[in-house]
Amino acid sequence: MFQVFGTKKCKETQKAIRFFKERRIPYQFIDFAEKSLSYGELKNILEFYTLDELIDIESYEYKKRNFEYINHDKEDIALEFPLILKTPIIRINRKVKIGFSKEDLESWGV
């Protein structure tokens, strides 16, 4: 089953959810406003992307918490403050994609 990590307000996350709904493909939505990534989930994503690619330094949450001025462990803040991550994060089995791309999902056989 596909997992879609993001927020309900994120337009790209909404597009991904609509993509799965229109095709009647089962998916699980994990809302970063309510739940963070687990350590294992983060490690799986980091097999495909670096923390620099995953963290959205332009996000409201990143700027609100002044992470641009604070020396911090990126892995710790990614786990503790999921709203700083780029969304959506789409995962199935061992494949991961950041952002919504219909073409990429179709290349996965969706």
PDB file of N, CA and C in Angstrom:
ATOM      1  N   MET A   1       0.846  -1.178   0.000  1.00  0.00           N
ATOM      2  CA  MET A   1       0.000   0.000   0.000  1.00  0.00           C
ATOM      3  C   MET A   1       0.890   1.238   0.000  1.00  0.00           C
ATOM      4  N   PHE A   2       0.475   2.228  -0.756  1.00  0.00           N
ATOM      5  CA  PHE A   2       1.202   3.488  -0.809  1.00  0.00           C
ATOM      6  C   PHE A   2       1.011   4.266   0.485  1.00  0.00           C
ATOM      7  N   GLN A   3       2.032   4.983   0.871  1.00  0.00           N
ATOM      8  CA  GLN A   3       1.940   5.919   1.986  1.00  0.00           C
ATOM      9  C   GLN A   3       2.211   7.306   1.427  1.00  0.00           C
ATOM     10  N   VAL A   4       1.385   8.252   1.831  1.00  0.00           N
ATOM     11  CA  VAL A   4       1.558   9.644   1.432  1.00  0.00           C
ATOM     12  C   VAL A   4       1.742  10.448   2.704  1.00  0.00           C
ATOM     13  N   PHE A   5       2.939  11.020   2.872  1.00  0.00           N
ATOM     14  CA  PHE A   5       3.240  11.857   4.023  1.00  0.00           C
ATOM     15  C   PHE A   5       3.120  13.309   3.571  1.00  0.00           C
ATOM     16  N   GLY A   6       2.445  14.117   4.367  1.00  0.00           N
ATOM     17  CA  GLY A   6       2.307  15.524   4.021  1.00  0.00           C
ATOM     18  C   GLY A   6       1.356  16.213   4.970  1.00  0.00           C
ATOM     19  N   THR A   7       0.770  17.295   4.488  1.00  0.00           N
ATOM     20  CA  THR A   7      -0.240  18.006   5.270  1.00  0.00           C
ATOM     21  C   THR A   7      -1.475  18.217   4.405  1.00  0.00           C
ATOM     22  N   LYS A   8      -2.597  18.372   5.042  1.00  0.00           N
ATOM     23  CA  LYS A   8      -3.853  18.580   4.320  1.00  0.00           C
ATOM     24  C   LYS A   8      -3.850  19.900   3.551  1.00  0.00           C
ATOM     25  N   LYS A   9      -3.062  20.870   4.000  1.00  0.00           N
ATOM     26  CA  LYS A   9      -3.017  22.174   3.352  1.00  0.00           C
ATOM     27  C   LYS A   9      -2.090  22.219   2.137  1.00  0.00           C
ATOM     28  N   CYS A  10      -1.199  21.260   2.011  1.00  0.00           N
ATOM     29  CA  CYS A  10      -0.208  21.242   0.931  1.00  0.00           C
ATOM     30  C   CYS A  10      -0.872  20.894  -0.404  1.00  0.00           C
ATOM     31  N   LYS A  11      -0.756  21.772  -1.384  1.00  0.00           N
ATOM     32  CA  LYS A  11      -1.379  21.557  -2.701  1.00  0.00           C
ATOM     33  C   LYS A  11      -0.817  20.322  -3.405  1.00  0.00           C
ATOM     34  N   GLU A  12       0.493  20.110  -3.308  1.00  0.00           N
ATOM     35  CA  GLU A  12       1.102  18.952  -3.958  1.00  0.00           C
ATOM     36  C   GLU A  12       0.649  17.649  -3.290  1.00  0.00           C
ATOM     37  N   THR A  13       0.484  17.670  -1.977  1.00  0.00           N
ATOM     38  CA  THR A  13      -0.028  16.500  -1.269  1.00  0.00           C
ATOM     39  C   THR A  13      -1.464  16.225  -1.702  1.00  0.00           C
ATOM     40  N   GLN A  14      -2.256  17.269  -1.847  1.00  0.00           N
ATOM     41  CA  GLN A  14      -3.636  17.113  -2.311  1.00  0.00           C
ATOM     42  C   GLN A  14      -3.678  16.488  -3.703  1.00  0.00           C
ATOM     43  N   LYS A  15      -2.745  16.883  -4.577  1.00  0.00           N
ATOM     44  CA  LYS A  15      -2.681  16.305  -5.922  1.00  0.00           C
ATOM     45  C   LYS A  15      -2.362  14.812  -5.856  1.00  0.00           C
ATOM     46  N   ALA A  16      -1.428  14.448  -4.993  1.00  0.00           N
ATOM     47  CA  ALA A  16      -1.049  13.037  -4.856  1.00  0.00           C
ATOM     48  C   ALA A  16      -2.238  12.220  -4.357  1.00  0.00           C
ATOM     49  N   ILE A  17      -2.939  12.717  -3.355  1.00  0.00           N
ATOM     50  CA  ILE A  17      -4.099  12.015  -2.811  1.00  0.00           C
ATOM     51  C   ILE A  17      -5.181  11.872  -3.881  1.00  0.00           C
ATOM     52  N   ARG A  18      -5.420  12.942  -4.627  1.00  0.00           N
ATOM     53  CA  ARG A  18      -6.417  12.893  -5.698  1.00  0.00           C
ATOM     54  C   ARG A  18      -6.017  11.856  -6.767  1.00  0.00           C
ATOM     55  N   PHE A  19      -4.726  11.787  -7.084  1.00  0.00           N
ATOM     56  CA  PHE A  19      -4.215  10.808  -8.042  1.00  0.00           C
ATOM     57  C   PHE A  19      -4.586   9.388  -7.616  1.00  0.00           C
ATOM     58  N   PHE A  20      -4.356   9.070  -6.344  1.00  0.00           N
ATOM     59  CA  PHE A  20      -4.664   7.723  -5.852  1.00  0.00           C
ATOM     60  C   PHE A  20      -6.167   7.478  -5.788  1.00  0.00           C
ATOM     61  N   LYS A  21      -6.924   8.476  -5.343  1.00  0.00           N
ATOM     62  CA  LYS A  21      -8.379   8.322  -5.251  1.00  0.00           C
ATOM     63  C   LYS A  21      -9.007   8.097  -6.621  1.00  0.00           C
ATOM     64  N   GLU A  22      -8.579   8.890  -7.624  1.00  0.00           N
ATOM     65  CA  GLU A  22      -9.160   8.771  -8.962  1.00  0.00           C
ATOM     66  C   GLU A  22      -8.907   7.396  -9.572  1.00  0.00           C
ATOM     67  N   ARG A  23      -7.812   6.772  -9.202  1.00  0.00           N
ATOM     68  CA  ARG A  23      -7.460   5.463  -9.742  1.00  0.00           C
ATOM     69  C   ARG A  23      -7.866   4.318  -8.810  1.00  0.00           C
ATOM     70  N   ARG A  24      -8.528   4.673  -7.715  1.00  0.00           N
ATOM     71  CA  ARG A  24      -8.972   3.699  -6.712  1.00  0.00           C
ATOM     72  C   ARG A  24      -7.814   2.838  -6.211  1.00  0.00           C
ATOM     73  N   ILE A  25      -6.695   3.504  -5.980  1.00  0.00           N
ATOM     74  CA  ILE A  25      -5.503   2.835  -5.470  1.00  0.00           C
ATOM     75  C   ILE A  25      -5.457   3.055  -3.961  1.00  0.00           C
ATOM     76  N   PRO A  26      -5.394   1.976  -3.181  1.00  0.00           N
ATOM     77  CA  PRO A  26      -5.351   2.155  -1.728  1.00  0.00           C
ATOM     78  C   PRO A  26      -4.077   2.878  -1.303  1.00  0.00           C
ATOM     79  N   TYR A  27      -4.238   3.769  -0.350  1.00  0.00           N
ATOM     80  CA  TYR A  27      -3.104   4.528   0.182  1.00  0.00           C
ATOM     81  C   TYR A  27      -3.380   4.861   1.638  1.00  0.00           C
ATOM     82  N   GLN A  28      -2.327   5.188   2.332  1.00  0.00           N
ATOM     83  CA  GLN A  28      -2.432   5.630   3.721  1.00  0.00           C
ATOM     84  C   GLN A  28      -1.880   7.049   3.773  1.00  0.00           C
ATOM     85  N   PHE A  29      -2.645   7.970   4.337  1.00  0.00           N
ATOM     86  CA  PHE A  29      -2.197   9.355   4.470  1.00  0.00           C
ATOM     87  C   PHE A  29      -1.702   9.584   5.889  1.00  0.00           C
ATOM     88  N   ILE A  30      -0.484  10.084   6.009  1.00  0.00           N
ATOM     89  CA  ILE A  30       0.090  10.431   7.307  1.00  0.00           C
ATOM     90  C   ILE A  30       0.243  11.948   7.325  1.00  0.00           C
ATOM     91  N   ASP A  31      -0.511  12.597   8.195  1.00  0.00           N
ATOM     92  CA  ASP A  31      -0.524  14.055   8.284  1.00  0.00           C
ATOM     93  C   ASP A  31       0.574  14.526   9.233  1.00  0.00           C
ATOM     94  N   PHE A  32       1.536  15.265   8.695  1.00  0.00           N
ATOM     95  CA  PHE A  32       2.637  15.763   9.514  1.00  0.00           C
ATOM     96  C   PHE A  32       2.162  16.750  10.588  1.00  0.00           C
ATOM     97  N   ALA A  33       0.974  17.279  10.445  1.00  0.00           N
ATOM     98  CA  ALA A  33       0.438  18.162  11.486  1.00  0.00           C
ATOM     99  C   ALA A  33       0.060  17.359  12.729  1.00  0.00           C
ATOM    100  N   GLU A  34      -0.095  16.046  12.561  1.00  0.00           N
ATOM    101  CA  GLU A  34      -0.509  15.194  13.671  1.00  0.00           C
ATOM    102  C   GLU A  34       0.551  14.168  14.092  1.00  0.00           C
ATOM    103  N   LYS A  35       1.380  13.748  13.154  1.00  0.00           N
ATOM    104  CA  LYS A  35       2.314  12.654  13.435  1.00  0.00           C
ATOM    105  C   LYS A  35       3.619  12.880  12.680  1.00  0.00           C
ATOM    106  N   SER A  36       4.700  12.489  13.308  1.00  0.00           N
ATOM    107  CA  SER A  36       6.018  12.626  12.702  1.00  0.00           C
ATOM    108  C   SER A  36       6.449  11.309  12.069  1.00  0.00           C
ATOM    109  N   LEU A  37       7.544  11.362  11.328  1.00  0.00           N
ATOM    110  CA  LEU A  37       8.153  10.145  10.805  1.00  0.00           C
ATOM    111  C   LEU A  37       8.760   9.349  11.949  1.00  0.00           C
ATOM    112  N   SER A  38       8.759   8.039  11.811  1.00  0.00           N
ATOM    113  CA  SER A  38       9.503   7.224  12.766  1.00  0.00           C
ATOM    114  C   SER A  38      10.961   7.216  12.317  1.00  0.00           C
ATOM    115  N   TYR A  39      11.834   6.768  13.193  1.00  0.00           N
ATOM    116  CA  TYR A  39      13.253   6.693  12.867  1.00  0.00           C
ATOM    117  C   TYR A  39      13.476   5.764  11.665  1.00  0.00           C
ATOM    118  N   GLY A  40      12.774   4.643  11.636  1.00  0.00           N
ATOM    119  CA  GLY A  40      12.897   3.686  10.535  1.00  0.00           C
ATOM    120  C   GLY A  40      12.422   4.265   9.210  1.00  0.00           C
ATOM    121  N   GLU A  41      11.307   5.008   9.257  1.00  0.00           N
ATOM    122  CA  GLU A  41      10.794   5.636   8.045  1.00  0.00           C
ATOM    123  C   GLU A  41      11.796   6.659   7.504  1.00  0.00           C
ATOM    124  N   LEU A  42      12.372   7.444   8.416  1.00  0.00           N
ATOM    125  CA  LEU A  42      13.364   8.433   7.999  1.00  0.00           C
ATOM    126  C   LEU A  42      14.574   7.750   7.371  1.00  0.00           C
ATOM    127  N   LYS A  43      15.054   6.680   7.978  1.00  0.00           N
ATOM    128  CA  LYS A  43      16.206   5.950   7.434  1.00  0.00           C
ATOM    129  C   LYS A  43      15.897   5.410   6.039  1.00  0.00           C
ATOM    130  N   ASN A  44      14.673   4.911   5.832  1.00  0.00           N
ATOM    131  CA  ASN A  44      14.281   4.425   4.512  1.00  0.00           C
ATOM    132  C   ASN A  44      14.325   5.555   3.485  1.00  0.00           C
ATOM    133  N   ILE A  45      13.820   6.720   3.837  1.00  0.00           N
ATOM    134  CA  ILE A  45      13.822   7.867   2.925  1.00  0.00           C
ATOM    135  C   ILE A  45      15.251   8.317   2.632  1.00  0.00           C
ATOM    136  N   LEU A  46      16.108   8.256   3.648  1.00  0.00           N
ATOM    137  CA  LEU A  46      17.491   8.697   3.480  1.00  0.00           C
ATOM    138  C   LEU A  46      18.321   7.751   2.612  1.00  0.00           C
ATOM    139  N   GLU A  47      17.776   6.607   2.265  1.00  0.00           N
ATOM    140  CA  GLU A  47      18.436   5.741   1.296  1.00  0.00           C
ATOM    141  C   GLU A  47      18.336   6.320  -0.114  1.00  0.00           C
ATOM    142  N   PHE A  48      17.363   7.207  -0.327  1.00  0.00           N
ATOM    143  CA  PHE A  48      17.108   7.789  -1.640  1.00  0.00           C
ATOM    144  C   PHE A  48      17.440   9.281  -1.716  1.00  0.00           C
ATOM    145  N   TYR A  49      17.318   9.972  -0.600  1.00  0.00           N
ATOM    146  CA  TYR A  49      17.528  11.426  -0.552  1.00  0.00           C
ATOM    147  C   TYR A  49      18.415  11.785   0.627  1.00  0.00           C
ATOM    148  N   THR A  50      19.113  12.902   0.515  1.00  0.00           N
ATOM    149  CA  THR A  50      19.891  13.412   1.645  1.00  0.00           C
ATOM    150  C   THR A  50      18.992  14.270   2.519  1.00  0.00           C
ATOM    151  N   LEU A  51      19.441  14.555   3.718  1.00  0.00           N
ATOM    152  CA  LEU A  51      18.672  15.443   4.591  1.00  0.00           C
ATOM    153  C   LEU A  51      18.533  16.831   3.972  1.00  0.00           C
ATOM    154  N   ASP A  52      19.566  17.277   3.264  1.00  0.00           N
ATOM    155  CA  ASP A  52      19.481  18.590   2.607  1.00  0.00           C
ATOM    156  C   ASP A  52      18.396  18.614   1.534  1.00  0.00           C
ATOM    157  N   GLU A  53      18.174  17.501   0.871  1.00  0.00           N
ATOM    158  CA  GLU A  53      17.114  17.416  -0.133  1.00  0.00           C
ATOM    159  C   GLU A  53      15.739  17.283   0.521  1.00  0.00           C
ATOM    160  N   LEU A  54      15.695  16.729   1.708  1.00  0.00           N
ATOM    161  CA  LEU A  54      14.436  16.464   2.403  1.00  0.00           C
ATOM    162  C   LEU A  54      13.909  17.673   3.176  1.00  0.00           C
ATOM    163  N   ILE A  55      14.804  18.441   3.757  1.00  0.00           N
ATOM    164  CA  ILE A  55      14.393  19.577   4.588  1.00  0.00           C
ATOM    165  C   ILE A  55      14.140  20.802   3.715  1.00  0.00           C
ATOM    166  N   ASP A  56      12.985  21.410   3.924  1.00  0.00           N
ATOM    167  CA  ASP A  56      12.593  22.603   3.175  1.00  0.00           C
ATOM    168  C   ASP A  56      13.001  23.847   3.962  1.00  0.00           C
ATOM    169  N   ILE A  57      14.143  24.418   3.616  1.00  0.00           N
ATOM    170  CA  ILE A  57      14.651  25.577   4.355  1.00  0.00           C
ATOM    171  C   ILE A  57      13.829  26.841   4.079  1.00  0.00           C
ATOM    172  N   GLU A  58      12.926  26.761   3.115  1.00  0.00           N
ATOM    173  CA  GLU A  58      12.040  27.893   2.825  1.00  0.00           C
ATOM    174  C   GLU A  58      10.696  27.770   3.542  1.00  0.00           C
ATOM    175  N   SER A  59      10.499  26.682   4.268  1.00  0.00           N
ATOM    176  CA  SER A  59       9.205  26.459   4.910  1.00  0.00           C
ATOM    177  C   SER A  59       8.983  27.440   6.071  1.00  0.00           C
ATOM    178  N   TYR A  60       7.724  27.694   6.318  1.00  0.00           N
ATOM    179  CA  TYR A  60       7.340  28.587   7.415  1.00  0.00           C
ATOM    180  C   TYR A  60       7.877  28.047   8.735  1.00  0.00           C
ATOM    181  N   GLU A  61       7.726  26.752   8.959  1.00  0.00           N
ATOM    182  CA  GLU A  61       8.140  26.131  10.227  1.00  0.00           C
ATOM    183  C   GLU A  61       9.651  26.246  10.439  1.00  0.00           C
ATOM    184  N   TYR A  62      10.426  26.053   9.395  1.00  0.00           N
ATOM    185  CA  TYR A  62      11.888  26.144   9.489  1.00  0.00           C
ATOM    186  C   TYR A  62      12.299  27.555   9.896  1.00  0.00           C
ATOM    187  N   LYS A  63      11.678  28.539   9.269  1.00  0.00           N
ATOM    188  CA  LYS A  63      12.008  29.938   9.579  1.00  0.00           C
ATOM    189  C   LYS A  63      11.465  30.348  10.951  1.00  0.00           C
ATOM    190  N   LYS A  64      10.278  29.875  11.287  1.00  0.00           N
ATOM    191  CA  LYS A  64       9.666  30.211  12.576  1.00  0.00           C
ATOM    192  C   LYS A  64      10.530  29.742  13.745  1.00  0.00           C
ATOM    193  N   ARG A  65      11.138  28.595  13.583  1.00  0.00           N
ATOM    194  CA  ARG A  65      11.976  28.028  14.647  1.00  0.00           C
ATOM    195  C   ARG A  65      13.432  28.463  14.552  1.00  0.00           C
ATOM    196  N   ASN A  66      13.717  29.359  13.601  1.00  0.00           N
ATOM    197  CA  ASN A  66      15.060  29.943  13.428  1.00  0.00           C
ATOM    198  C   ASN A  66      16.158  28.905  13.213  1.00  0.00           C
ATOM    199  N   PHE A  67      15.825  27.811  12.542  1.00  0.00           N
ATOM    200  CA  PHE A  67      16.839  26.787  12.292  1.00  0.00           C
ATOM    201  C   PHE A  67      17.965  27.289  11.392  1.00  0.00           C
ATOM    202  N   GLU A  68      17.679  28.324  10.621  1.00  0.00           N
ATOM    203  CA  GLU A  68      18.733  28.858   9.752  1.00  0.00           C
ATOM    204  C   GLU A  68      19.843  29.522  10.567  1.00  0.00           C
ATOM    205  N   TYR A  69      19.568  29.888  11.806  1.00  0.00           N
ATOM    206  CA  TYR A  69      20.547  30.565  12.654  1.00  0.00           C
ATOM    207  C   TYR A  69      21.087  29.690  13.784  1.00  0.00           C
ATOM    208  N   ILE A  70      20.513  28.505  13.943  1.00  0.00           N
ATOM    209  CA  ILE A  70      20.868  27.636  15.057  1.00  0.00           C
ATOM    210  C   ILE A  70      21.674  26.447  14.546  1.00  0.00           C
ATOM    211  N   ASN A  71      22.725  26.101  15.255  1.00  0.00           N
ATOM    212  CA  ASN A  71      23.478  24.893  14.940  1.00  0.00           C
ATOM    213  C   ASN A  71      22.660  23.708  15.454  1.00  0.00           C
ATOM    214  N   HIS A  72      22.251  22.825  14.556  1.00  0.00           N
ATOM    215  CA  HIS A  72      21.350  21.736  14.940  1.00  0.00           C
ATOM    216  C   HIS A  72      21.697  20.458  14.193  1.00  0.00           C
ATOM    217  N   ASP A  73      21.211  19.355  14.729  1.00  0.00           N
ATOM    218  CA  ASP A  73      21.342  18.053  14.080  1.00  0.00           C
ATOM    219  C   ASP A  73      20.135  17.897  13.151  1.00  0.00           C
ATOM    220  N   LYS A  74      20.377  17.846  11.858  1.00  0.00           N
ATOM    221  CA  LYS A  74      19.289  17.812  10.879  1.00  0.00           C
ATOM    222  C   LYS A  74      18.387  16.592  11.045  1.00  0.00           C
ATOM    223  N   GLU A  75      18.971  15.472  11.403  1.00  0.00           N
ATOM    224  CA  GLU A  75      18.165  14.261  11.583  1.00  0.00           C
ATOM    225  C   GLU A  75      17.209  14.427  12.766  1.00  0.00           C
ATOM    226  N   ASP A  76      17.698  15.007  13.855  1.00  0.00           N
ATOM    227  CA  ASP A  76      16.851  15.216  15.034  1.00  0.00           C
ATOM    228  C   ASP A  76      15.695  16.164  14.730  1.00  0.00           C
ATOM    229  N   ILE A  77      15.988  17.264  14.030  1.00  0.00           N
ATOM    230  CA  ILE A  77      14.901  18.210  13.761  1.00  0.00           C
ATOM    231  C   ILE A  77      13.920  17.650  12.733  1.00  0.00           C
ATOM    232  N   ALA A  78      14.391  16.813  11.815  1.00  0.00           N
ATOM    233  CA  ALA A  78      13.483  16.185  10.847  1.00  0.00           C
ATOM    234  C   ALA A  78      12.494  15.271  11.565  1.00  0.00           C
ATOM    235  N   LEU A  79      12.972  14.578  12.592  1.00  0.00           N
ATOM    236  CA  LEU A  79      12.093  13.695  13.355  1.00  0.00           C
ATOM    237  C   LEU A  79      11.169  14.457  14.292  1.00  0.00           C
ATOM    238  N   GLU A  80      11.680  15.512  14.895  1.00  0.00           N
ATOM    239  CA  GLU A  80      10.895  16.247  15.885  1.00  0.00           C
ATOM    240  C   GLU A  80       9.934  17.264  15.266  1.00  0.00           C
ATOM    241  N   PHE A  81      10.316  17.846  14.135  1.00  0.00           N
ATOM    242  CA  PHE A  81       9.508  18.895  13.509  1.00  0.00           C
ATOM    243  C   PHE A  81       9.217  18.532  12.053  1.00  0.00           C
ATOM    244  N   PRO A  82       8.286  17.617  11.806  1.00  0.00           N
ATOM    245  CA  PRO A  82       8.047  17.143  10.439  1.00  0.00           C
ATOM    246  C   PRO A  82       7.532  18.218   9.485  1.00  0.00           C
ATOM    247  N   LEU A  83       7.029  19.314  10.009  1.00  0.00           N
ATOM    248  CA  LEU A  83       6.517  20.370   9.132  1.00  0.00           C
ATOM    249  C   LEU A  83       7.629  21.099   8.375  1.00  0.00           C
ATOM    250  N   ILE A  84       8.885  20.800   8.689  1.00  0.00           N
ATOM    251  CA  ILE A  84       9.983  21.411   7.933  1.00  0.00           C
ATOM    252  C   ILE A  84      10.373  20.560   6.717  1.00  0.00           C
ATOM    253  N   LEU A  85       9.719  19.414   6.533  1.00  0.00           N
ATOM    254  CA  LEU A  85      10.065  18.523   5.438  1.00  0.00           C
ATOM    255  C   LEU A  85       9.300  18.884   4.166  1.00  0.00           C
ATOM    256  N   LYS A  86       9.933  18.630   3.037  1.00  0.00           N
ATOM    257  CA  LYS A  86       9.268  18.828   1.748  1.00  0.00           C
ATOM    258  C   LYS A  86       8.178  17.774   1.611  1.00  0.00           C
ATOM    259  N   THR A  87       7.074  18.173   1.021  1.00  0.00           N
ATOM    260  CA  THR A  87       5.947  17.253   0.870  1.00  0.00           C
ATOM    261  C   THR A  87       5.389  17.330  -0.540  1.00  0.00           C
ATOM    262  N   PRO A  88       4.683  16.302  -0.962  1.00  0.00           N
ATOM    263  CA  PRO A  88       4.467  15.049  -0.260  1.00  0.00           C
ATOM    264  C   PRO A  88       5.683  14.128  -0.373  1.00  0.00           C
ATOM    265  N   ILE A  89       5.755  13.222   0.557  1.00  0.00           N
ATOM    266  CA  ILE A  89       6.705  12.123   0.485  1.00  0.00           C
ATOM    267  C   ILE A  89       5.853  10.890   0.207  1.00  0.00           C
ATOM    268  N   ILE A  90       6.109  10.253  -0.918  1.00  0.00           N
ATOM    269  CA  ILE A  90       5.310   9.097  -1.329  1.00  0.00           C
ATOM    270  C   ILE A  90       6.199   7.866  -1.251  1.00  0.00           C
ATOM    271  N   ARG A  91       5.666   6.842  -0.605  1.00  0.00           N
ATOM    272  CA  ARG A  91       6.471   5.645  -0.377  1.00  0.00           C
ATOM    273  C   ARG A  91       5.646   4.388  -0.630  1.00  0.00           C
ATOM    274  N   ILE A  92       6.281   3.417  -1.266  1.00  0.00           N
ATOM    275  CA  ILE A  92       5.714   2.074  -1.379  1.00  0.00           C
ATOM    276  C   ILE A  92       6.877   1.101  -1.353  1.00  0.00           C
ATOM    277  N   ASN A  93       6.719   0.082  -0.541  1.00  0.00           N
ATOM    278  CA  ASN A  93       7.782  -0.899  -0.345  1.00  0.00           C
ATOM    279  C   ASN A  93       9.083  -0.167  -0.021  1.00  0.00           C
ATOM    280  N   ARG A  94      10.077  -0.283  -0.865  1.00  0.00           N
ATOM    281  CA  ARG A  94      11.370   0.373  -0.602  1.00  0.00           C
ATOM    282  C   ARG A  94      11.595   1.565  -1.529  1.00  0.00           C
ATOM    283  N   LYS A  95      10.567   2.008  -2.261  1.00  0.00           N
ATOM    284  CA  LYS A  95      10.694   3.156  -3.161  1.00  0.00           C
ATOM    285  C   LYS A  95      10.168   4.405  -2.476  1.00  0.00           C
ATOM    286  N   VAL A  96      10.847   5.535  -2.741  1.00  0.00           N
ATOM    287  CA  VAL A  96      10.453   6.805  -2.133  1.00  0.00           C
ATOM    288  C   VAL A  96      10.552   7.904  -3.175  1.00  0.00           C
ATOM    289  N   LYS A  97       9.597   8.815  -3.147  1.00  0.00           N
ATOM    290  CA  LYS A  97       9.600   9.985  -4.029  1.00  0.00           C
ATOM    291  C   LYS A  97       9.195  11.201  -3.211  1.00  0.00           C
ATOM    292  N   ILE A  98       9.975  12.276  -3.328  1.00  0.00           N
ATOM    293  CA  ILE A  98       9.595  13.541  -2.697  1.00  0.00           C
ATOM    294  C   ILE A  98       8.967  14.410  -3.776  1.00  0.00           C
ATOM    295  N   GLY A  99       7.792  14.918  -3.478  1.00  0.00           N
ATOM    296  CA  GLY A  99       7.067  15.732  -4.445  1.00  0.00           C
ATOM    297  C   GLY A  99       6.135  14.867  -5.276  1.00  0.00           C
ATOM    298  N   PHE A 100       5.168  15.516  -5.905  1.00  0.00           N
ATOM    299  CA  PHE A 100       4.210  14.791  -6.724  1.00  0.00           C
ATOM    300  C   PHE A 100       4.611  14.893  -8.187  1.00  0.00           C
ATOM    301  N   SER A 101       4.704  13.743  -8.821  1.00  0.00           N
ATOM    302  CA  SER A 101       4.962  13.667 -10.254  1.00  0.00           C
ATOM    303  C   SER A 101       4.162  12.486 -10.793  1.00  0.00           C
ATOM    304  N   LYS A 102       3.151  12.791 -11.577  1.00  0.00           N
ATOM    305  CA  LYS A 102       2.305  11.752 -12.165  1.00  0.00           C
ATOM    306  C   LYS A 102       3.165  10.780 -12.978  1.00  0.00           C
ATOM    307  N   GLU A 103       4.117  11.326 -13.716  1.00  0.00           N
ATOM    308  CA  GLU A 103       4.972  10.494 -14.568  1.00  0.00           C
ATOM    309  C   GLU A 103       5.797   9.517 -13.733  1.00  0.00           C
ATOM    310  N   ASP A 104       6.364  10.001 -12.631  1.00  0.00           N
ATOM    311  CA  ASP A 104       7.157   9.128 -11.762  1.00  0.00           C
ATOM    312  C   ASP A 104       6.303   8.012 -11.182  1.00  0.00           C
ATOM    313  N   LEU A 105       5.102   8.351 -10.743  1.00  0.00           N
ATOM    314  CA  LEU A 105       4.234   7.319 -10.172  1.00  0.00           C
ATOM    315  C   LEU A 105       3.832   6.305 -11.233  1.00  0.00           C
ATOM    316  N   GLU A 106       3.562   6.768 -12.435  1.00  0.00           N
ATOM    317  CA  GLU A 106       3.207   5.853 -13.523  1.00  0.00           C
ATOM    318  C   GLU A 106       4.391   4.954 -13.884  1.00  0.00           C
ATOM    319  N   SER A 107       5.621   5.477 -13.751  1.00  0.00           N
ATOM    320  CA  SER A 107       6.794   4.647 -14.031  1.00  0.00           C
ATOM    321  C   SER A 107       6.947   3.536 -12.983  1.00  0.00           C
ATOM    322  N   TRP A 108       6.300   3.703 -11.822  1.00  0.00           N
ATOM    323  CA  TRP A 108       6.289   2.662 -10.792  1.00  0.00           C
ATOM    324  C   TRP A 108       5.221   1.614 -11.092  1.00  0.00           C
ATOM    325  N   GLY A 109       4.475   1.819 -12.175  1.00  0.00           N
ATOM    326  CA  GLY A 109       3.442   0.855 -12.534  1.00  0.00           C
ATOM    327  C   GLY A 109       2.087   1.171 -11.946  1.00  0.00           C
ATOM    328  N   VAL A 110       1.875   2.407 -11.546  1.00  0.00           N
ATOM    329  CA  VAL A 110       0.601   2.810 -10.950  1.00  0.00           C
ATOM    330  C   VAL A 110      -0.401   3.107 -12.044  1.00  0.00           C
TER     331      VAL A 110
END
